[in-house]
Amino acid sequence: MRMTVKLTRSIARQPVFDRYWGRETSPGEDVRTDREIDEFIRSAAGSGFYPCCTCRMGTDALAVCTADLRVRGLEGLRVADSSVFSL
Protein backbone atom coordinates (compact mmCIF):
# COMPACT_ATOMS: atom_id res chain seq x y z
CA MET A 1 0.00 0.00 0.00
CA ARG A 2 2.89 2.32 0.75
CA MET A 3 4.27 1.70 -2.73
CA THR A 4 0.84 2.54 -4.18
CA VAL A 5 0.91 5.95 -2.46
CA LYS A 6 4.40 6.59 -3.82
CA LEU A 7 3.54 5.38 -7.33
CA THR A 8 0.36 7.46 -7.44
CA ARG A 9 2.31 10.54 -6.42
CA SER A 10 4.95 9.81 -9.06
CA ILE A 11 2.35 9.41 -11.80
CA ALA A 12 0.37 12.49 -10.76
CA ARG A 13 3.51 14.62 -10.83
CA GLN A 14 4.35 13.85 -14.45
CA PRO A 15 4.49 17.02 -16.59
CA VAL A 16 1.45 15.97 -18.62
CA PHE A 17 -0.68 16.41 -15.47
CA ASP A 18 0.72 19.81 -14.47
CA ARG A 19 -2.41 21.73 -15.45
CA TYR A 20 -4.54 19.47 -13.24
CA TRP A 21 -2.23 19.33 -10.25
CA GLY A 22 -3.15 21.24 -7.12
CA ARG A 23 -2.43 20.79 -3.47
CA GLU A 24 -2.37 17.14 -2.39
CA THR A 25 -5.25 16.60 0.01
CA SER A 26 -4.82 12.96 0.95
CA PRO A 27 -2.60 11.81 2.51
CA GLY A 28 -1.29 15.37 2.30
CA GLU A 29 2.00 16.97 1.37
CA ASP A 30 3.27 16.71 4.94
CA VAL A 31 3.12 12.90 4.82
CA ARG A 32 6.53 11.98 3.38
CA THR A 33 8.42 9.25 5.21
CA ASP A 34 7.59 5.55 5.04
CA ARG A 35 6.53 5.71 8.67
CA GLU A 36 4.20 8.67 8.03
CA ILE A 37 2.71 6.95 4.97
CA ASP A 38 2.18 3.76 6.99
CA GLU A 39 0.44 5.73 9.74
CA PHE A 40 -1.83 7.34 7.15
CA ILE A 41 -2.68 3.94 5.66
CA ARG A 42 -3.49 2.46 9.06
CA SER A 43 -5.83 5.33 9.86
CA ALA A 44 -7.52 5.66 6.46
CA ALA A 45 -7.65 2.18 4.93
CA GLY A 46 -10.87 0.27 4.78
CA SER A 47 -12.49 -2.55 2.93
CA GLY A 48 -13.92 -1.92 -0.49
CA PHE A 49 -15.82 -5.15 -0.44
CA TYR A 50 -19.51 -5.49 0.28
CA PRO A 51 -19.95 -8.21 2.90
CA CYS A 52 -21.71 -11.16 1.32
CA CYS A 53 -22.19 -14.86 1.81
CA THR A 54 -22.22 -14.41 5.59
CA CYS A 55 -25.23 -16.64 6.23
CA ARG A 56 -25.24 -20.40 5.94
CA MET A 57 -26.18 -21.49 2.43
CA GLY A 58 -26.90 -24.96 1.16
CA THR A 59 -29.72 -27.43 0.87
CA ASP A 60 -29.94 -28.68 4.47
CA ALA A 61 -32.38 -27.47 7.15
CA LEU A 62 -29.75 -25.13 8.69
CA ALA A 63 -29.37 -23.10 5.48
CA VAL A 64 -30.95 -19.65 5.59
CA CYS A 65 -32.55 -19.95 2.14
CA THR A 66 -34.05 -22.69 0.09
CA ALA A 67 -32.73 -23.33 -3.42
CA ASP A 68 -35.45 -21.04 -4.84
CA LEU A 69 -34.25 -18.21 -2.52
CA ARG A 70 -37.13 -18.37 -0.01
CA VAL A 71 -36.03 -17.45 3.52
CA ARG A 72 -36.66 -20.40 5.83
CA GLY A 73 -39.14 -19.68 8.60
CA LEU A 74 -40.62 -16.57 6.97
CA GLU A 75 -43.63 -16.44 4.71
CA GLY A 76 -43.35 -14.46 1.47
CA LEU A 77 -39.71 -13.35 1.78
CA ARG A 78 -37.01 -14.12 -0.77
CA VAL A 79 -33.39 -13.04 -0.94
CA ALA A 80 -32.28 -11.28 -4.14
CA ASP A 81 -28.77 -9.97 -3.44
CA SER A 82 -25.20 -11.18 -3.15
CA SER A 83 -25.96 -13.09 0.06
CA VAL A 84 -26.95 -16.06 -2.08
CA PHE A 85 -23.99 -16.19 -4.46
CA SER A 86 -22.84 -19.50 -3.08
CA LEU A 87 -26.11 -21.35 -3.63
Foldseek 3Di string as FASTA:
>chain_A
DLVVVVVVVVVCPPPVNVVVDDFDDVVGPVQDDSVSSVVSCVVPDDDPDDDALPFADDPDPRGQAHPVQAGPPDPPDGDDDRNHVVD
